[in-house]
Amino acid sequence: MEKSLSEHKLVTDAADLAPIAEAVRGAEAVGVDLETTALSPRDGRIRLLQVATPDETHVIDVFEVGDLSPLKEALEDGPVKVGHNLKFDYSFLKDEHGIALSPIFDTMLAAQLLAGGNQSPAFSLEAVAERELDRKLDKSARREDWSGKLSEAQIEYAARDAAVLLPLREKLAERLREEELLRIAKIEFAAVATIAEMELAGVKLDVTRWKELEKVVRKRRDEKALELDAQFPEPEGMLPLEGLGPRLNLNSPQQITDAFRTLGIELADTKVWTLLKVDHPAAKLLLEYRELQKKLGTYLETYPKFVDGKTGRIHANFLQCRVPTGRLACTNPNIQQIPHEDEFRRCFVAEEGYTLVIADYSQVELRILAEVSGDPAFVEAFRNGDDLHRVTAATMYGVTMDEVSKDQRSAAKRINFGLMYGRGAKSLSAQLGASEERGRQLIDEYFANYPKVRSFLQKTASRAVRDRTLRTIAGRVRKFGDSGPLDDKGAMRREAMNYPIQGCSADIAKLALVYVREDLKSLDARLVNCIHDEFVVECREEIAAEVAERTSAAMTRAGEAILKKVPTEVEVATSREWRK
């Protein structure tokens, strides 16, 4: 008969922790779960630690027990610690008790990997347990107060959440093995510790400098609005109202369309691609205005609100497997999408006595394209240490490498990345400011020089439409499904062309997160941000050179573990501010 998931023992005496530690060490795997008084370790504390062995679930009242150090060795070594969204549990245990869970099996990440990038199935513990085990978990106690006297219902709820993890792990591990996802799952599980510690570390924003920048950008925005407004004729019988700002509501598509009509320009819409094709200063000014408005609304006006009052730092939330390619995503706030201009990035600084080591992979996605396509010109360029954008420009424009102009290299860069993302002549020509015919000509010339790149992209797109499944070199799977938005074959083909490349880049970055943490563990250094293929480490100033060397070596090792035909190159810089 199947053992009840609710068999449990409430632990309120610290003397009982040693036997629990012994039981943990004797198990192959244990379920681990927490109940906390808040969702952030900076705002709350651990109330219950549930540890489920095959024989019994121990519900430890941490308010009563206090010190969890008797469990530290067992939780940091030995059997697999099974949990759901273990980044949460890891963060609380690390911050409050200095316990770093290891090794781990995260049932949420496993379920997300098996979903192959589809976000339609729910990934809560309740949903995954019902889907995989056909067991319904009563989650009614989830929103109750965990800081006061606990009811028996709360204790049973906590015990069930931990006990279900062991059978859930068995089922998910079997499926991971069947779908050949064990390698990528191992990388994802190992990266949890790094991501949790990166969130705990946070990044320091110089709020004073940020607010000064806000004033500067607001002034630019207002000046741009007036400059744009002046492009349109005054309505008949109306004189300009000096100093009262623009007449147009620049956020109204209808007013913008009407205004352009007064210039003899009919706009189908006011989207970026439409405006890029308009040969009039007003179109360029409108795009510049929108960019400044976005910088104000998305970044400058909002980011200071995320500075934690206790730490003085921003602690963003990194989403590990939310994006189909496997790349990290970020919310509250999204510190991966800070504008690239130095005036923004220099507002992110190191603490006094510390500095930032900024390391990023050089042209990693193009190196992956060389790896997976096997195009000899691509591979040779990277083996020779050449700048691929310059090589492409020289080939396409019929000039020597030394004769390539800045504009030619920029155009080649757009083409290199654009075609990899499945862009056609229409979008590419708009981006280059050229005619659609010229865009088509450039694409033909490009693929004539790199025929294996074209072959790879076409075959990959066709395979996705036919099989509805693609994999990266390391085995991460993308399942396209049979319905929904991707039933549009064009959209599927475009995503398919890029998936093996961007997905592989994510695999390398996740592995690098693991290696960098391991190699910096003994130093006063910590990862504070990861922007896809760029890592930011904060360390003591006097060890910056050593940290830079170790970080570069760890990232290179991760690249070499996956890429075999082309070399991996990492560029490193050191600065008190987040800029190179």
Protein backbone atom coordinates (compact mmCIF):
# COMPACT_ATOMS: atom_id res chain seq x y z
CA MET A 1 0.00 0.00 0.00
CA GLU A 2 1.25 3.47 -0.84
CA LYS A 3 2.46 5.42 2.20
CA SER A 4 0.36 8.46 3.08
CA LEU A 5 1.97 11.75 2.17
CA SER A 6 0.76 13.28 5.44
CA GLU A 7 2.79 11.09 7.89
CA HIS A 8 4.90 13.59 9.74
CA LYS A 9 6.54 14.64 12.99
CA LEU A 10 6.65 18.20 14.33
CA VAL A 11 10.09 19.09 15.69
CA THR A 12 10.40 21.87 18.29
CA ASP A 13 13.48 20.70 20.21
CA ALA A 14 16.99 21.40 18.87
CA ALA A 15 18.15 18.09 20.35
CA ASP A 16 16.12 16.27 17.67
CA LEU A 17 18.13 17.79 14.81
CA ALA A 18 21.11 15.42 15.12
CA PRO A 19 19.00 12.27 14.51
CA ILE A 20 17.33 14.02 11.56
CA ALA A 21 20.76 14.84 10.12
CA GLU A 22 21.70 11.18 10.47
CA ALA A 23 18.51 10.10 8.69
CA VAL A 24 19.24 12.56 5.87
CA ARG A 25 22.78 11.24 5.43
CA GLY A 26 21.45 7.70 5.16
CA ALA A 27 18.96 8.48 2.40
CA GLU A 28 19.49 8.56 -1.37
CA ALA A 29 17.30 11.66 -1.67
CA VAL A 30 15.28 13.88 0.66
CA GLY A 31 12.52 16.37 0.01
CA VAL A 32 13.18 19.91 1.23
CA ASP A 33 10.63 22.69 1.53
CA LEU A 34 10.16 25.87 3.56
CA GLU A 35 7.31 27.93 4.90
CA THR A 36 8.31 31.56 5.42
CA THR A 37 6.78 34.74 6.79
CA ALA A 38 7.49 36.68 3.56
CA LEU A 39 8.56 36.04 -0.02
CA SER A 40 12.00 37.63 0.37
CA PRO A 41 14.72 36.75 2.90
CA ARG A 42 15.21 40.50 3.41
CA ASP A 43 11.58 40.87 4.52
CA GLY A 44 10.84 37.64 6.35
CA ARG A 45 12.15 34.58 8.16
CA ILE A 46 11.91 30.82 7.86
CA ARG A 47 9.11 29.45 10.03
CA LEU A 48 9.16 25.79 9.01
CA LEU A 49 11.80 23.61 7.40
CA GLN A 50 10.32 20.36 6.13
CA VAL A 51 12.68 17.46 5.44
CA ALA A 52 11.10 14.35 3.92
CA THR A 53 12.94 11.04 4.04
CA PRO A 54 11.44 7.86 2.57
CA ASP A 55 10.23 6.91 6.06
CA GLU A 56 9.03 10.14 7.62
CA THR A 57 8.59 13.87 7.06
CA HIS A 58 10.15 16.08 9.71
CA VAL A 59 8.44 19.45 10.12
CA ILE A 60 10.96 21.62 11.96
CA ASP A 61 9.65 24.75 13.69
CA VAL A 62 12.63 27.04 13.16
CA PHE A 63 11.18 29.69 15.49
CA GLU A 64 11.40 27.12 18.30
CA VAL A 65 14.59 25.30 17.28
CA GLY A 66 16.57 28.40 16.34
CA ASP A 67 19.98 27.21 15.20
CA LEU A 68 19.99 24.84 12.20
CA SER A 69 23.76 24.23 12.22
CA PRO A 70 23.36 20.53 13.20
CA LEU A 71 21.76 20.04 9.77
CA LYS A 72 24.28 22.09 7.79
CA GLU A 73 26.67 19.30 6.80
CA ALA A 74 23.85 16.92 5.81
CA LEU A 75 22.07 19.58 3.73
CA GLU A 76 25.24 20.74 1.98
CA ASP A 77 26.49 17.28 1.05
CA GLY A 78 25.35 13.71 0.73
CA PRO A 79 21.95 12.84 -0.72
CA VAL A 80 20.09 14.77 -3.41
CA LYS A 81 17.92 17.56 -2.01
CA VAL A 82 14.64 17.58 -3.92
CA GLY A 83 12.59 20.75 -3.99
CA HIS A 84 10.23 22.80 -6.11
CA ASN A 85 11.60 26.20 -7.12
CA LEU A 86 14.63 25.58 -4.94
CA LYS A 87 16.06 29.02 -5.67
CA PHE A 88 13.55 30.29 -3.11
CA ASP A 89 14.51 27.76 -0.41
CA TYR A 90 18.23 28.11 -1.17
CA SER A 91 18.05 31.90 -0.77
CA PHE A 92 16.38 31.77 2.65
CA LEU A 93 18.62 29.01 4.02
CA LYS A 94 21.78 30.69 2.73
CA ASP A 95 20.85 34.17 3.95
CA GLU A 96 19.48 33.19 7.37
CA HIS A 97 21.54 30.13 8.30
CA GLY A 98 24.51 30.05 5.93
CA ILE A 99 23.35 26.70 4.50
CA ALA A 100 23.99 26.08 0.78
CA LEU A 101 21.77 23.20 -0.38
CA SER A 102 23.69 20.68 -2.50
CA PRO A 103 23.32 18.61 -4.62
CA ILE A 104 19.80 19.40 -5.75
CA PHE A 105 16.98 18.22 -8.00
CA ASP A 106 14.47 20.97 -8.77
CA THR A 107 11.10 19.55 -9.80
CA MET A 108 9.92 22.90 -11.21
CA LEU A 109 12.96 23.23 -13.48
CA ALA A 110 12.61 19.58 -14.51
CA ALA A 111 8.98 20.13 -15.48
CA GLN A 112 9.91 23.26 -17.43
CA LEU A 113 12.67 21.45 -19.32
CA LEU A 114 10.25 18.66 -20.22
CA ALA A 115 7.73 21.24 -21.47
CA GLY A 116 10.31 22.27 -24.07
CA GLY A 117 9.79 26.00 -23.81
CA ASN A 118 5.99 25.90 -23.73
CA GLN A 119 4.56 28.03 -20.94
CA SER A 120 0.94 26.91 -21.26
CA PRO A 121 1.16 24.17 -18.61
CA ALA A 122 1.28 25.52 -15.05
CA PHE A 123 4.47 24.85 -13.11
CA SER A 124 3.33 25.25 -9.51
CA LEU A 125 3.95 22.27 -7.24
CA GLU A 126 0.20 21.69 -7.14
CA ALA A 127 -0.07 21.61 -10.94
CA VAL A 128 3.01 19.47 -11.56
CA ALA A 129 2.05 16.92 -8.88
CA GLU A 130 -1.43 16.56 -10.34
CA ARG A 131 -0.09 16.28 -13.89
CA GLU A 132 2.70 13.81 -13.14
CA LEU A 133 1.35 11.83 -10.17
CA ASP A 134 -2.41 12.39 -10.47
CA ARG A 135 -2.37 13.71 -6.89
CA LYS A 136 -4.23 16.80 -5.78
CA LEU A 137 -2.59 18.93 -3.12
CA ASP A 138 -4.73 21.08 -0.86
CA LYS A 139 -3.11 24.54 -1.05
CA SER A 140 -5.71 26.42 1.00
CA ALA A 141 -3.24 26.97 3.87
CA ARG A 142 -0.68 28.63 1.61
CA ARG A 143 -1.85 32.19 2.29
CA GLU A 144 -2.29 31.81 6.05
CA ASP A 145 -0.18 33.66 8.61
CA TRP A 146 2.98 31.64 9.28
CA SER A 147 4.36 33.90 12.00
CA GLY A 148 1.96 33.01 14.83
CA LYS A 149 0.68 29.83 16.45
CA LEU A 150 0.47 27.09 13.84
CA SER A 151 -2.65 25.04 13.29
CA GLU A 152 -2.59 21.31 12.64
CA ALA A 153 -3.86 22.06 9.12
CA GLN A 154 -0.82 24.25 8.46
CA ILE A 155 1.56 21.58 9.73
CA GLU A 156 -0.10 18.88 7.61
CA TYR A 157 -0.02 21.18 4.57
CA ALA A 158 3.72 21.75 5.06
CA ALA A 159 4.39 18.03 5.49
CA ARG A 160 2.48 17.07 2.34
CA ASP A 161 4.37 19.61 0.22
CA ALA A 162 7.68 18.04 1.24
CA ALA A 163 6.57 14.41 1.10
CA VAL A 164 5.26 14.62 -2.47
CA LEU A 165 8.68 15.72 -3.72
CA LEU A 166 10.29 12.26 -3.57
CA PRO A 167 7.77 10.39 -5.77
CA LEU A 168 7.63 13.45 -8.02
CA ARG A 169 11.39 13.35 -8.47
CA GLU A 170 11.25 9.65 -9.42
CA LYS A 171 8.67 10.33 -12.12
CA LEU A 172 10.41 13.41 -13.52
CA ALA A 173 13.87 11.81 -13.46
CA GLU A 174 12.51 8.89 -15.46
CA ARG A 175 11.04 11.28 -18.03
CA LEU A 176 14.24 13.32 -18.23
CA ARG A 177 16.14 10.11 -18.93
CA GLU A 178 13.66 8.99 -21.59
CA GLU A 179 13.81 12.36 -23.36
CA GLU A 180 17.62 12.59 -23.10
CA LEU A 181 17.53 15.72 -20.97
CA LEU A 182 19.69 14.59 -18.07
CA ARG A 183 22.76 16.53 -19.21
CA ILE A 184 20.96 19.84 -19.50
CA ALA A 185 19.02 19.18 -16.28
CA LYS A 186 22.29 18.67 -14.43
CA ILE A 187 23.52 22.06 -15.69
CA GLU A 188 20.27 23.79 -14.69
CA PHE A 189 20.22 22.24 -11.21
CA ALA A 190 23.85 23.20 -10.59
CA ALA A 191 23.17 26.80 -11.67
CA VAL A 192 20.47 27.34 -9.02
CA ALA A 193 23.00 28.14 -6.29
CA THR A 194 24.75 30.76 -8.41
CA ILE A 195 21.51 32.45 -9.44
CA ALA A 196 20.17 32.50 -5.87
CA GLU A 197 23.42 33.97 -4.54
CA MET A 198 23.46 36.53 -7.37
CA GLU A 199 19.99 37.69 -6.30
CA LEU A 200 21.07 37.85 -2.67
CA ALA A 201 24.11 39.93 -3.60
CA GLY A 202 22.17 42.43 -5.70
CA VAL A 203 23.64 45.38 -7.58
CA LYS A 204 24.43 48.84 -6.25
CA LEU A 205 22.75 51.79 -7.97
CA ASP A 206 24.16 55.27 -7.41
CA VAL A 207 20.74 56.86 -6.94
CA THR A 208 22.07 60.42 -6.86
CA ARG A 209 23.79 59.99 -10.20
CA TRP A 210 20.70 58.21 -11.58
CA LYS A 211 18.38 61.07 -10.61
CA GLU A 212 20.73 63.59 -12.22
CA LEU A 213 20.60 61.52 -15.39
CA GLU A 214 16.80 61.51 -15.17
CA LYS A 215 16.81 65.32 -15.27
CA VAL A 216 19.13 65.34 -18.28
CA VAL A 217 17.05 62.80 -20.23
CA ARG A 218 13.79 64.54 -19.35
CA LYS A 219 15.19 67.80 -20.74
CA ARG A 220 16.29 66.01 -23.92
CA ARG A 221 12.84 64.42 -24.24
CA ASP A 222 11.06 67.77 -23.88
CA GLU A 223 13.38 69.46 -26.38
CA LYS A 224 12.88 66.60 -28.84
CA ALA A 225 9.10 66.93 -28.49
CA LEU A 226 9.24 70.64 -29.38
CA GLU A 227 11.63 69.98 -32.24
CA LEU A 228 9.27 67.34 -33.62
CA ASP A 229 6.22 69.54 -33.14
CA ALA A 230 7.88 72.30 -35.15
CA GLN A 231 8.08 69.97 -38.17
CA PHE A 232 4.32 70.21 -38.66
CA PRO A 233 2.53 73.32 -40.01
CA GLU A 234 0.55 75.53 -37.65
CA PRO A 235 -3.21 75.10 -37.94
CA GLU A 236 -4.76 77.91 -39.95
CA GLY A 237 -5.36 81.02 -37.85
CA MET A 238 -3.38 79.69 -34.87
CA LEU A 239 -0.09 81.15 -33.71
CA PRO A 240 2.54 79.10 -31.83
CA LEU A 241 2.13 79.27 -28.05
CA GLU A 242 5.66 79.95 -26.88
CA GLY A 243 6.82 77.95 -23.86
CA LEU A 244 3.67 75.85 -23.54
CA GLY A 245 5.08 72.67 -25.03
CA PRO A 246 4.07 70.65 -28.10
CA ARG A 247 0.56 70.87 -29.54
CA LEU A 248 0.48 67.18 -30.39
CA ASN A 249 -0.09 64.28 -28.04
CA LEU A 250 2.97 62.36 -29.18
CA ASN A 251 1.66 59.17 -27.59
CA SER A 252 -1.50 59.20 -29.75
CA PRO A 253 -1.15 57.17 -32.98
CA GLN A 254 -4.16 58.99 -34.44
CA GLN A 255 -2.72 62.45 -33.83
CA ILE A 256 0.66 61.35 -35.19
CA THR A 257 -0.96 59.91 -38.33
CA ASP A 258 -2.97 63.11 -38.85
CA ALA A 259 0.13 65.26 -38.35
CA PHE A 260 2.15 63.32 -40.91
CA ARG A 261 -0.74 63.65 -43.35
CA THR A 262 -0.24 67.44 -43.24
CA LEU A 263 3.25 66.74 -44.62
CA GLY A 264 1.80 64.69 -47.46
CA ILE A 265 2.87 61.43 -45.80
CA GLU A 266 0.34 58.62 -45.33
CA LEU A 267 1.31 56.23 -42.53
CA ALA A 268 -0.17 52.74 -42.47
CA ASP A 269 0.66 52.74 -38.75
CA THR A 270 3.18 54.35 -36.39
CA LYS A 271 5.32 51.27 -35.75
CA VAL A 272 9.11 51.44 -35.82
CA TRP A 273 9.54 49.61 -39.14
CA THR A 274 7.03 51.92 -40.82
CA LEU A 275 8.73 55.07 -39.54
CA LEU A 276 12.20 53.81 -40.49
CA LYS A 277 11.13 53.82 -44.14
CA VAL A 278 9.86 57.42 -44.06
CA ASP A 279 12.32 59.88 -45.61
CA HIS A 280 11.48 62.93 -43.50
CA PRO A 281 13.14 64.43 -40.39
CA ALA A 282 9.85 64.13 -38.47
CA ALA A 283 10.01 60.32 -38.58
CA LYS A 284 13.53 60.26 -37.16
CA LEU A 285 12.59 62.79 -34.47
CA LEU A 286 9.55 60.73 -33.45
CA LEU A 287 11.67 57.61 -33.03
CA GLU A 288 14.21 59.56 -30.97
CA TYR A 289 11.43 61.02 -28.81
CA ARG A 290 9.99 57.57 -28.14
CA GLU A 291 13.39 56.20 -27.18
CA LEU A 292 13.88 59.01 -24.65
CA GLN A 293 10.35 58.52 -23.31
CA LYS A 294 11.01 54.80 -22.83
CA LYS A 295 14.25 55.50 -20.98
CA LEU A 296 12.36 57.78 -18.62
CA GLY A 297 9.31 55.60 -18.02
CA THR A 298 10.91 52.17 -18.01
CA TYR A 299 14.19 52.91 -16.25
CA LEU A 300 14.89 56.35 -14.82
CA GLU A 301 11.58 56.93 -13.05
CA THR A 302 11.17 53.40 -11.69
CA TYR A 303 14.50 51.81 -10.77
CA PRO A 304 15.18 53.80 -7.57
CA LYS A 305 11.96 52.29 -6.15
CA PHE A 306 13.62 48.87 -6.26
CA VAL A 307 16.57 49.84 -4.04
CA ASP A 308 16.20 47.79 -0.86
CA GLY A 309 16.03 49.92 2.28
CA LYS A 310 18.15 47.48 4.29
CA THR A 311 20.91 46.65 1.81
CA GLY A 312 20.91 49.77 -0.35
CA ARG A 313 21.06 47.51 -3.40
CA ILE A 314 18.68 46.29 -6.11
CA HIS A 315 17.82 42.60 -5.77
CA ALA A 316 16.21 41.57 -9.06
CA ASN A 317 14.39 38.30 -9.67
CA PHE A 318 16.05 36.02 -12.24
CA LEU A 319 13.80 33.52 -14.03
CA GLN A 320 15.82 30.46 -14.91
CA CYS A 321 13.72 28.50 -17.42
CA ARG A 322 10.94 30.89 -18.35
CA VAL A 323 12.25 31.69 -21.84
CA PRO A 324 11.99 28.97 -24.56
CA THR A 325 15.69 29.29 -25.45
CA GLY A 326 16.74 28.72 -21.85
CA ARG A 327 18.20 32.20 -21.45
CA LEU A 328 17.86 33.88 -18.08
CA ALA A 329 15.07 36.42 -17.84
CA CYS A 330 14.80 39.10 -15.18
CA THR A 331 12.03 41.05 -13.43
CA ASN A 332 11.51 43.53 -10.61
CA PRO A 333 13.41 45.20 -12.20
CA ASN A 334 14.88 43.89 -15.43
CA ILE A 335 18.56 44.70 -14.92
CA GLN A 336 19.45 42.74 -18.06
CA GLN A 337 17.99 45.47 -20.28
CA ILE A 338 19.69 48.59 -18.98
CA PRO A 339 20.45 50.86 -21.97
CA HIS A 340 23.97 50.31 -23.29
CA GLU A 341 25.02 53.95 -23.15
CA ASP A 342 27.77 54.67 -20.61
CA GLU A 343 25.69 57.37 -18.94
CA PHE A 344 23.26 54.66 -17.77
CA ARG A 345 25.65 51.87 -16.93
CA ARG A 346 28.07 54.08 -15.01
CA CYS A 347 25.29 54.56 -12.43
CA PHE A 348 25.77 50.92 -11.38
CA VAL A 349 28.84 50.87 -9.16
CA ALA A 350 30.89 48.77 -6.78
CA GLU A 351 30.87 49.28 -3.02
CA GLU A 352 33.70 51.27 -1.44
CA GLY A 353 36.92 49.26 -1.59
CA TYR A 354 35.50 46.99 -4.28
CA THR A 355 35.54 47.00 -8.07
CA LEU A 356 33.63 45.35 -10.90
CA VAL A 357 35.05 42.72 -13.22
CA ILE A 358 33.02 42.71 -16.45
CA ALA A 359 33.53 39.64 -18.63
CA ASP A 360 31.65 38.71 -21.77
CA TYR A 361 31.86 36.15 -24.53
CA SER A 362 33.11 37.57 -27.82
CA GLN A 363 30.61 37.00 -30.65
CA VAL A 364 29.43 33.81 -28.97
CA GLU A 365 26.27 33.35 -31.07
CA LEU A 366 28.21 33.66 -34.33
CA ARG A 367 30.76 31.17 -33.00
CA ILE A 368 27.88 28.79 -32.29
CA LEU A 369 26.55 29.35 -35.82
CA ALA A 370 30.00 28.43 -37.12
CA GLU A 371 29.98 25.32 -34.91
CA VAL A 372 26.54 24.04 -35.91
CA SER A 373 26.70 24.98 -39.60
CA GLY A 374 30.30 23.92 -40.15
CA ASP A 375 30.69 26.71 -42.73
CA PRO A 376 34.44 26.73 -43.50
CA ALA A 377 34.66 30.52 -43.91
CA PHE A 378 32.97 31.08 -40.54
CA VAL A 379 35.08 28.45 -38.78
CA GLU A 380 38.33 29.69 -40.32
CA ALA A 381 37.61 33.31 -39.35
CA PHE A 382 37.27 32.39 -35.70
CA ARG A 383 40.24 30.01 -35.71
CA ASN A 384 42.36 32.82 -37.17
CA GLY A 385 41.15 35.26 -34.54
CA ASP A 386 39.57 37.52 -37.17
CA ASP A 387 36.69 39.94 -36.62
CA LEU A 388 33.85 38.13 -38.42
CA HIS A 389 31.91 41.35 -39.06
CA ARG A 390 34.96 42.83 -40.78
CA VAL A 391 35.51 39.61 -42.74
CA THR A 392 31.87 39.64 -43.86
CA ALA A 393 32.04 43.32 -44.86
CA ALA A 394 35.25 42.82 -46.85
CA THR A 395 33.73 39.88 -48.73
CA MET A 396 30.40 41.57 -49.44
CA TYR A 397 31.76 44.95 -50.47
CA GLY A 398 34.79 43.62 -52.36
CA VAL A 399 37.41 45.46 -50.30
CA THR A 400 40.36 44.37 -48.17
CA MET A 401 39.98 43.92 -44.41
CA ASP A 402 41.93 47.13 -43.83
CA GLU A 403 39.68 49.06 -46.20
CA VAL A 404 36.43 48.15 -44.45
CA SER A 405 34.72 51.33 -43.24
CA LYS A 406 32.85 51.73 -39.96
CA ASP A 407 29.52 51.88 -41.83
CA GLN A 408 30.35 48.74 -43.84
CA ARG A 409 31.25 46.81 -40.68
CA SER A 410 28.07 48.02 -39.00
CA ALA A 411 25.98 46.86 -41.97
CA ALA A 412 27.75 43.48 -41.98
CA LYS A 413 27.07 43.12 -38.25
CA ARG A 414 23.36 43.76 -38.78
CA ILE A 415 23.29 41.20 -41.59
CA ASN A 416 25.22 38.58 -39.59
CA PHE A 417 22.80 38.82 -36.68
CA GLY A 418 19.69 39.62 -38.70
CA LEU A 419 19.80 36.52 -40.89
CA MET A 420 20.55 34.37 -37.85
CA TYR A 421 17.29 35.66 -36.35
CA GLY A 422 15.39 34.82 -39.54
CA ARG A 423 14.97 38.37 -40.82
CA GLY A 424 14.00 38.81 -44.44
CA ALA A 425 14.77 41.49 -47.02
CA LYS A 426 11.98 43.79 -45.81
CA SER A 427 13.05 44.10 -42.17
CA LEU A 428 16.75 44.00 -43.00
CA SER A 429 16.47 46.79 -45.57
CA ALA A 430 14.51 48.93 -43.11
CA GLN A 431 17.18 48.39 -40.48
CA LEU A 432 19.93 49.31 -42.95
CA GLY A 433 18.03 52.26 -44.39
CA ALA A 434 18.20 50.69 -47.86
CA SER A 435 15.64 49.65 -50.45
CA GLU A 436 14.03 46.25 -50.19
CA GLU A 437 15.69 45.30 -53.48
CA ARG A 438 19.09 46.19 -52.02
CA GLY A 439 18.28 44.18 -48.91
CA ARG A 440 17.49 41.15 -51.05
CA GLN A 441 20.72 41.62 -52.98
CA LEU A 442 22.78 41.77 -49.77
CA ILE A 443 21.15 38.58 -48.50
CA ASP A 444 21.93 36.75 -51.75
CA GLU A 445 25.55 37.92 -51.63
CA TYR A 446 25.84 36.88 -47.99
CA PHE A 447 24.60 33.35 -48.56
CA ALA A 448 26.72 33.00 -51.69
CA ASN A 449 29.75 33.54 -49.46
CA TYR A 450 28.44 31.35 -46.61
CA PRO A 451 26.47 28.54 -48.30
CA LYS A 452 26.61 26.17 -45.32
CA VAL A 453 25.06 28.84 -43.12
CA ARG A 454 22.10 29.06 -45.52
CA SER A 455 21.83 25.27 -45.65
CA PHE A 456 21.85 24.98 -41.85
CA LEU A 457 19.21 27.68 -41.35
CA GLN A 458 16.91 26.25 -44.03
CA LYS A 459 17.24 22.65 -42.82
CA THR A 460 16.69 23.69 -39.21
CA ALA A 461 13.53 25.61 -40.10
CA SER A 462 12.18 22.71 -42.16
CA ARG A 463 12.95 20.21 -39.39
CA ALA A 464 11.04 22.32 -36.86
CA VAL A 465 7.96 22.45 -39.10
CA ARG A 466 8.20 18.72 -39.81
CA ASP A 467 9.13 17.34 -36.37
CA ARG A 468 7.96 20.20 -34.13
CA THR A 469 11.11 19.61 -32.06
CA LEU A 470 14.66 20.99 -32.02
CA ARG A 471 17.66 20.48 -29.75
CA THR A 472 20.78 22.39 -28.83
CA ILE A 473 24.22 20.76 -28.84
CA ALA A 474 23.89 20.10 -25.10
CA GLY A 475 20.42 18.58 -25.58
CA ARG A 476 18.02 21.34 -24.49
CA VAL A 477 14.77 20.68 -26.33
CA ARG A 478 12.28 23.08 -27.91
CA LYS A 479 8.83 21.64 -28.56
CA PHE A 480 6.83 23.79 -30.94
CA GLY A 481 3.45 22.10 -30.49
CA ASP A 482 0.62 21.82 -33.00
CA SER A 483 -1.44 24.93 -32.32
CA GLY A 484 -1.36 28.45 -30.95
CA PRO A 485 0.70 31.39 -32.23
CA LEU A 486 3.42 29.13 -33.61
CA ASP A 487 0.92 27.49 -35.92
CA ASP A 488 2.05 30.35 -38.15
CA LYS A 489 4.74 28.48 -40.11
CA GLY A 490 6.62 31.69 -40.85
CA ALA A 491 6.93 32.53 -37.16
CA MET A 492 7.96 28.96 -36.40
CA ARG A 493 10.64 28.97 -39.08
CA ARG A 494 12.09 32.25 -37.81
CA GLU A 495 12.24 31.03 -34.22
CA ALA A 496 13.62 27.68 -35.33
CA MET A 497 16.55 29.25 -37.19
CA ASN A 498 17.72 30.96 -34.03
CA TYR A 499 16.83 28.39 -31.37
CA PRO A 500 19.88 26.07 -31.68
CA ILE A 501 22.12 29.14 -31.55
CA GLN A 502 20.56 31.18 -28.76
CA GLY A 503 19.71 28.02 -26.85
CA CYS A 504 23.32 26.84 -27.03
CA SER A 505 24.45 30.28 -25.86
CA ALA A 506 22.16 29.87 -22.85
CA ASP A 507 23.60 26.41 -22.14
CA ILE A 508 27.14 27.79 -22.18
CA ALA A 509 26.17 30.71 -19.93
CA LYS A 510 24.43 28.44 -17.40
CA LEU A 511 27.47 26.16 -17.26
CA ALA A 512 29.70 29.21 -16.89
CA LEU A 513 27.61 30.37 -13.93
CA VAL A 514 28.45 27.09 -12.21
CA TYR A 515 32.16 27.23 -13.03
CA VAL A 516 32.58 30.91 -12.09
CA ARG A 517 30.96 30.36 -8.69
CA GLU A 518 33.17 27.35 -8.01
CA ASP A 519 36.36 29.15 -9.02
CA LEU A 520 35.60 32.31 -7.00
CA LYS A 521 34.25 30.59 -3.90
CA SER A 522 37.44 31.07 -1.87
CA LEU A 523 37.76 34.78 -2.73
CA ASP A 524 36.00 37.95 -1.59
CA ALA A 525 34.15 38.08 -4.90
CA ARG A 526 30.56 37.52 -5.97
CA LEU A 527 28.57 37.46 -9.18
CA VAL A 528 26.10 40.34 -9.14
CA ASN A 529 24.62 40.29 -12.65
CA CYS A 530 24.38 38.11 -15.74
CA ILE A 531 23.25 39.68 -19.00
CA HIS A 532 23.07 36.56 -21.17
CA ASP A 533 26.71 36.32 -22.32
CA GLU A 534 28.07 39.05 -20.02
CA PHE A 535 28.98 38.42 -16.37
CA VAL A 536 29.53 41.11 -13.74
CA VAL A 537 31.55 40.20 -10.64
CA GLU A 538 32.10 42.48 -7.64
CA CYS A 539 35.34 41.90 -5.74
CA ARG A 540 37.94 43.55 -3.51
CA GLU A 541 40.05 45.97 -5.53
CA GLU A 542 43.32 44.29 -4.58
CA ILE A 543 42.29 40.91 -6.03
CA ALA A 544 40.69 42.24 -9.24
CA ALA A 545 43.42 40.86 -11.50
CA GLU A 546 43.10 37.35 -10.03
CA VAL A 547 39.29 37.47 -10.19
CA ALA A 548 39.43 38.62 -13.82
CA GLU A 549 41.75 35.74 -14.70
CA ARG A 550 39.66 33.13 -12.88
CA THR A 551 36.39 34.42 -14.33
CA SER A 552 37.76 34.41 -17.87
CA ALA A 553 39.18 30.90 -17.44
CA ALA A 554 35.90 29.54 -16.03
CA MET A 555 33.84 31.06 -18.83
CA THR A 556 36.28 29.75 -21.43
CA ARG A 557 36.10 26.26 -19.90
CA ALA A 558 32.30 26.33 -20.18
CA GLY A 559 32.47 27.32 -23.84
CA GLU A 560 35.03 24.63 -24.61
CA ALA A 561 32.86 21.99 -22.93
CA ILE A 562 30.24 22.52 -25.66
CA LEU A 563 31.97 24.08 -28.68
CA LYS A 564 34.57 21.80 -30.29
CA LYS A 565 35.22 23.30 -33.75
CA VAL A 566 35.75 26.96 -32.87
CA PRO A 567 37.66 28.60 -30.01
CA THR A 568 35.92 30.42 -27.17
CA GLU A 569 37.06 33.96 -26.46
CA VAL A 570 36.24 36.03 -23.37
CA GLU A 571 36.87 39.76 -23.09
CA VAL A 572 37.45 41.16 -19.58
CA ALA A 573 37.53 44.68 -18.18
CA THR A 574 37.80 46.10 -14.66
CA SER A 575 36.08 49.28 -13.50
CA ARG A 576 34.50 50.86 -10.43
CA GLU A 577 31.49 51.44 -12.68
CA TRP A 578 29.62 49.01 -14.92
CA ARG A 579 31.22 50.06 -18.19
CA LYS A 580 34.22 49.00 -20.20
